[in-house]
Protein backbone atom coordinates (compact mmCIF):
# COMPACT_ATOMS: atom_id res chain seq x y z
CA UNK A 1 1.25 -45.32 168.01
CA UNK A 2 -1.04 -47.97 167.86
CA UNK A 3 0.30 -48.51 164.25
CA UNK A 4 -1.01 -52.37 164.27
CA UNK A 5 -4.63 -51.42 165.43
CA UNK A 6 -7.49 -49.79 164.47
CA UNK A 7 -8.73 -47.93 167.29
CA UNK A 8 -12.03 -46.48 167.34
CA UNK A 9 -13.67 -44.20 169.85
CA UNK A 10 -17.40 -44.72 170.39
CA UNK A 11 -18.13 -41.31 171.15
CA UNK A 12 -19.25 -38.12 169.42
CA UNK A 13 -17.93 -35.58 171.72
CA UNK A 14 -15.60 -33.35 171.06
CA UNK A 15 -14.10 -33.04 174.58
CA UNK A 16 -13.27 -36.92 174.06
CA UNK A 17 -11.73 -36.56 170.56
CA UNK A 18 -9.90 -33.77 171.40
CA UNK A 19 -7.78 -35.34 174.44
CA UNK A 20 -7.24 -38.38 172.70
CA UNK A 21 -5.38 -36.90 169.74
CA UNK A 22 -3.58 -34.78 172.50
CA UNK A 23 -2.55 -37.96 174.11
CA UNK A 24 -1.05 -39.07 170.65
CA UNK A 25 -3.71 -41.64 169.27
CA UNK A 26 -4.59 -41.93 166.20
CA UNK A 27 -8.12 -43.15 166.19
CA UNK A 28 -11.43 -42.35 163.87
CA UNK A 29 -14.65 -41.63 165.31
CA UNK A 30 -17.39 -43.99 165.41
CA UNK A 31 -20.45 -42.87 167.58
CA UNK A 32 -22.80 -45.29 169.72
CA UNK A 33 -25.92 -44.82 170.19
CA UNK A 34 -27.17 -46.47 173.35
CA UNK A 35 -30.05 -45.10 176.35
CA UNK A 36 -28.27 -43.08 178.73
CA UNK A 37 -30.80 -43.78 181.33
CA UNK A 38 -29.58 -44.98 185.07
CA UNK A 39 -31.38 -48.11 186.20
CA UNK A 40 -33.48 -48.34 189.46
CA UNK A 41 -30.98 -48.02 192.41
CA UNK A 42 -27.37 -48.22 189.94
CA UNK A 43 -24.72 -47.49 191.72
CA UNK A 44 -22.87 -44.76 189.78
CA UNK A 45 -19.35 -46.47 189.17
CA UNK A 46 -21.55 -49.28 187.74
CA UNK A 47 -23.60 -46.91 185.62
CA UNK A 48 -20.40 -45.14 184.14
CA UNK A 49 -18.63 -48.46 183.17
CA UNK A 50 -22.07 -50.17 182.14
CA UNK A 51 -22.56 -47.34 179.55
CA UNK A 52 -18.96 -47.93 178.41
CA UNK A 53 -19.27 -51.32 178.07
CA UNK A 54 -22.41 -50.97 176.04
CA UNK A 55 -21.40 -48.10 173.67
CA UNK A 56 -18.14 -50.25 172.92
CA UNK A 57 -19.61 -53.43 172.33
CA UNK A 58 -22.31 -51.73 170.06
CA UNK A 59 -19.78 -49.95 168.21
CA UNK A 60 -17.93 -53.64 167.72
CA UNK A 61 -20.72 -55.53 166.60
CA UNK A 62 -21.58 -53.00 163.91
CA UNK A 63 -18.20 -53.07 162.72
CA UNK A 64 -17.62 -56.62 163.29
CA UNK A 65 -21.00 -57.65 160.93
CA UNK A 66 -19.15 -55.59 158.24
CA UNK A 67 -16.45 -56.95 155.91
CA UNK A 68 -13.54 -57.83 158.66
CA UNK A 69 -11.09 -55.42 158.55
CA UNK A 70 -7.57 -56.78 158.18
CA UNK A 71 -6.07 -54.59 161.38
CA UNK A 72 -7.11 -55.38 165.14
CA UNK A 73 -10.21 -53.58 166.03
CA UNK A 74 -10.01 -51.80 169.40
CA UNK A 75 -12.71 -50.01 170.47
CA UNK A 76 -12.57 -47.38 172.92
CA UNK A 77 -16.33 -46.43 175.14
CA UNK A 78 -16.31 -43.92 177.65
CA UNK A 79 -19.25 -42.45 180.18
CA UNK A 80 -18.89 -39.87 182.46
CA UNK A 81 -21.15 -38.46 185.16
CA UNK A 82 -21.18 -36.36 188.20
CA UNK A 83 -22.77 -37.98 191.65
CA UNK A 84 -23.15 -35.38 194.56
CA UNK A 85 -24.32 -37.88 197.88
CA UNK A 86 -24.49 -40.54 195.65
CA UNK A 87 -26.81 -39.32 193.27
CA UNK A 88 -26.42 -38.71 189.85
CA UNK A 89 -26.30 -35.57 187.95
CA UNK A 90 -26.50 -36.24 183.99
CA UNK A 91 -26.60 -33.60 181.84
CA UNK A 92 -29.61 -31.20 182.23
CA UNK A 93 -32.95 -31.78 180.33
CA UNK A 94 -33.35 -28.05 180.46
CA UNK A 95 -31.99 -24.72 181.70
CA UNK A 96 -34.01 -25.07 184.61
CA UNK A 97 -32.87 -28.39 185.41
CA UNK A 98 -29.11 -26.97 185.42
CA UNK A 99 -29.83 -24.34 187.39
CA UNK A 100 -31.07 -27.04 190.03
CA UNK A 101 -28.04 -29.02 189.65
CA UNK A 102 -25.60 -25.62 190.12
CA UNK A 103 -27.26 -24.69 193.23
CA UNK A 104 -26.72 -28.00 194.69
CA UNK A 105 -23.37 -27.90 193.54
CA UNK A 106 -22.68 -25.13 195.16
CA UNK A 107 -20.21 -24.93 198.11
CA UNK A 108 -19.97 -28.54 198.53
CA UNK A 109 -17.25 -31.02 197.16
CA UNK A 110 -18.78 -33.66 194.63
CA UNK A 111 -17.39 -36.56 192.06
CA UNK A 112 -17.10 -36.98 188.98
CA UNK A 113 -16.71 -40.35 187.53
CA UNK A 114 -15.31 -41.82 184.26
CA UNK A 115 -16.30 -45.47 183.08
CA UNK A 116 -13.78 -46.55 180.40
CA UNK A 117 -14.35 -49.57 178.10
CA UNK A 118 -11.73 -50.97 175.49
CA UNK A 119 -13.64 -53.80 173.59
CA UNK A 120 -11.86 -56.42 171.51
CA UNK A 121 -13.22 -59.51 169.31
CA UNK A 122 -11.43 -61.45 172.34
CA UNK A 123 -12.86 -59.41 174.99
CA UNK A 124 -13.47 -55.90 177.29
CA UNK A 125 -11.86 -54.47 179.72
CA UNK A 126 -13.58 -51.97 181.96
CA UNK A 127 -12.20 -49.56 184.15
CA UNK A 128 -13.48 -46.00 186.31
CA UNK A 129 -11.71 -42.98 187.42
CA UNK A 130 -12.75 -40.89 189.92
CA UNK A 131 -11.84 -37.46 190.98
CA UNK A 132 -13.44 -35.04 193.33
CA UNK A 133 -14.24 -31.60 192.29
CA UNK A 134 -14.66 -28.40 195.00
CA UNK A 135 -16.98 -25.67 193.80
CA UNK A 136 -17.54 -22.34 195.62
CA UNK A 137 -20.71 -21.01 196.48
CA UNK A 138 -22.37 -19.36 193.52
CA UNK A 139 -24.73 -16.72 193.55
CA UNK A 140 -28.03 -16.98 191.72
CA UNK A 141 -27.33 -14.39 189.50
CA UNK A 142 -23.54 -16.04 188.93
CA UNK A 143 -25.89 -19.42 187.76
CA UNK A 144 -28.42 -17.74 185.93
CA UNK A 145 -26.03 -15.75 183.76
CA UNK A 146 -24.01 -18.94 183.10
CA UNK A 147 -27.15 -21.00 181.86
CA UNK A 148 -28.19 -18.35 179.76
CA UNK A 149 -24.55 -18.87 177.75
CA UNK A 150 -25.72 -22.10 176.91
CA UNK A 151 -22.64 -24.10 178.04
CA UNK A 152 -24.06 -26.71 180.88
CA UNK A 153 -26.56 -27.95 178.85
CA UNK A 154 -24.61 -30.94 177.47
CA UNK A 155 -22.63 -31.19 180.15
CA UNK A 156 -23.28 -33.87 182.87
CA UNK A 157 -23.72 -31.98 186.62
CA UNK A 158 -24.10 -28.72 183.92
CA UNK A 159 -20.73 -27.41 184.34
CA UNK A 160 -17.66 -27.46 182.06
CA UNK A 161 -14.13 -27.50 184.46
CA UNK A 162 -12.47 -26.25 180.63
CA UNK A 163 -15.02 -23.68 180.43
CA UNK A 164 -16.63 -20.51 182.11
CA UNK A 165 -16.90 -22.91 185.19
CA UNK A 166 -13.39 -22.84 185.82
CA UNK A 167 -13.52 -19.86 187.92
CA UNK A 168 -15.35 -21.80 190.36
CA UNK A 169 -12.81 -24.60 190.80
CA UNK A 170 -10.01 -23.68 193.33
CA UNK A 171 -8.93 -27.63 193.84
CA UNK A 172 -9.59 -31.04 192.44
CA UNK A 173 -8.45 -34.19 193.50
CA UNK A 174 -7.68 -36.29 190.84
CA UNK A 175 -7.45 -36.71 187.80
CA UNK A 176 -8.17 -33.09 185.63
CA UNK A 177 -8.64 -34.94 181.64
CA UNK A 178 -11.53 -37.06 184.34
CA UNK A 179 -13.40 -34.11 184.36
CA UNK A 180 -13.53 -32.93 181.24
CA UNK A 181 -14.38 -36.48 179.91
CA UNK A 182 -11.83 -38.92 179.43
CA UNK A 183 -9.13 -39.99 181.92
CA UNK A 184 -5.62 -40.31 179.32
CA UNK A 185 -3.66 -42.32 182.01
CA UNK A 186 -6.14 -44.69 182.81
CA UNK A 187 -6.98 -44.86 179.41
CA UNK A 188 -3.58 -45.57 178.09
CA UNK A 189 -2.80 -48.16 180.77
CA UNK A 190 -5.89 -50.45 179.21
CA UNK A 191 -4.96 -49.88 175.71
CA UNK A 192 -0.97 -50.29 175.66
CA UNK A 193 -1.48 -54.28 176.46
CA UNK A 194 -3.06 -54.27 173.31
CA UNK A 195 -0.75 -52.16 171.39
CA UNK A 196 1.99 -54.38 172.53
CA UNK A 197 0.25 -57.45 170.79
């Protein structure tokens, strides 16, 4: 798959790397370094699609400034956030912040949104996937114990559905892989037209 193009993943996330490989894509990793702070009043979908675009285009620009490759370069950028009541819950700043987020999510349904961007020399396509995630009610002790594992610290919303938090999630509505960090069906739909070229 993607033999005629050079696919670049503009992310250092091991979860995105694993998912893209699981889906059968051949690619190389070239992390993007862009500020991830939301703009004042920015809608969550606008936020993640903007960051996905900025990551993809930053890496494309960096690679284009070097010696042009014989293959067509396609850069995949992505950004995932958690929202509750239309508020963005990004990665926690510290353990206290992680505990605060988990208390907010406890016993409620929130949304996980991933923005995806596919950038080439010709254009950039962007899209977003939204998944609803239900959390059971958590005790203060459960939250404290979970934060102590360190697992929440680099995750939007302070949890990993594929980790220990799985036991508190009785149901989701939408794409599971989106919650992990990369909606594979959406990514494939964006990439397939480029493969056919």
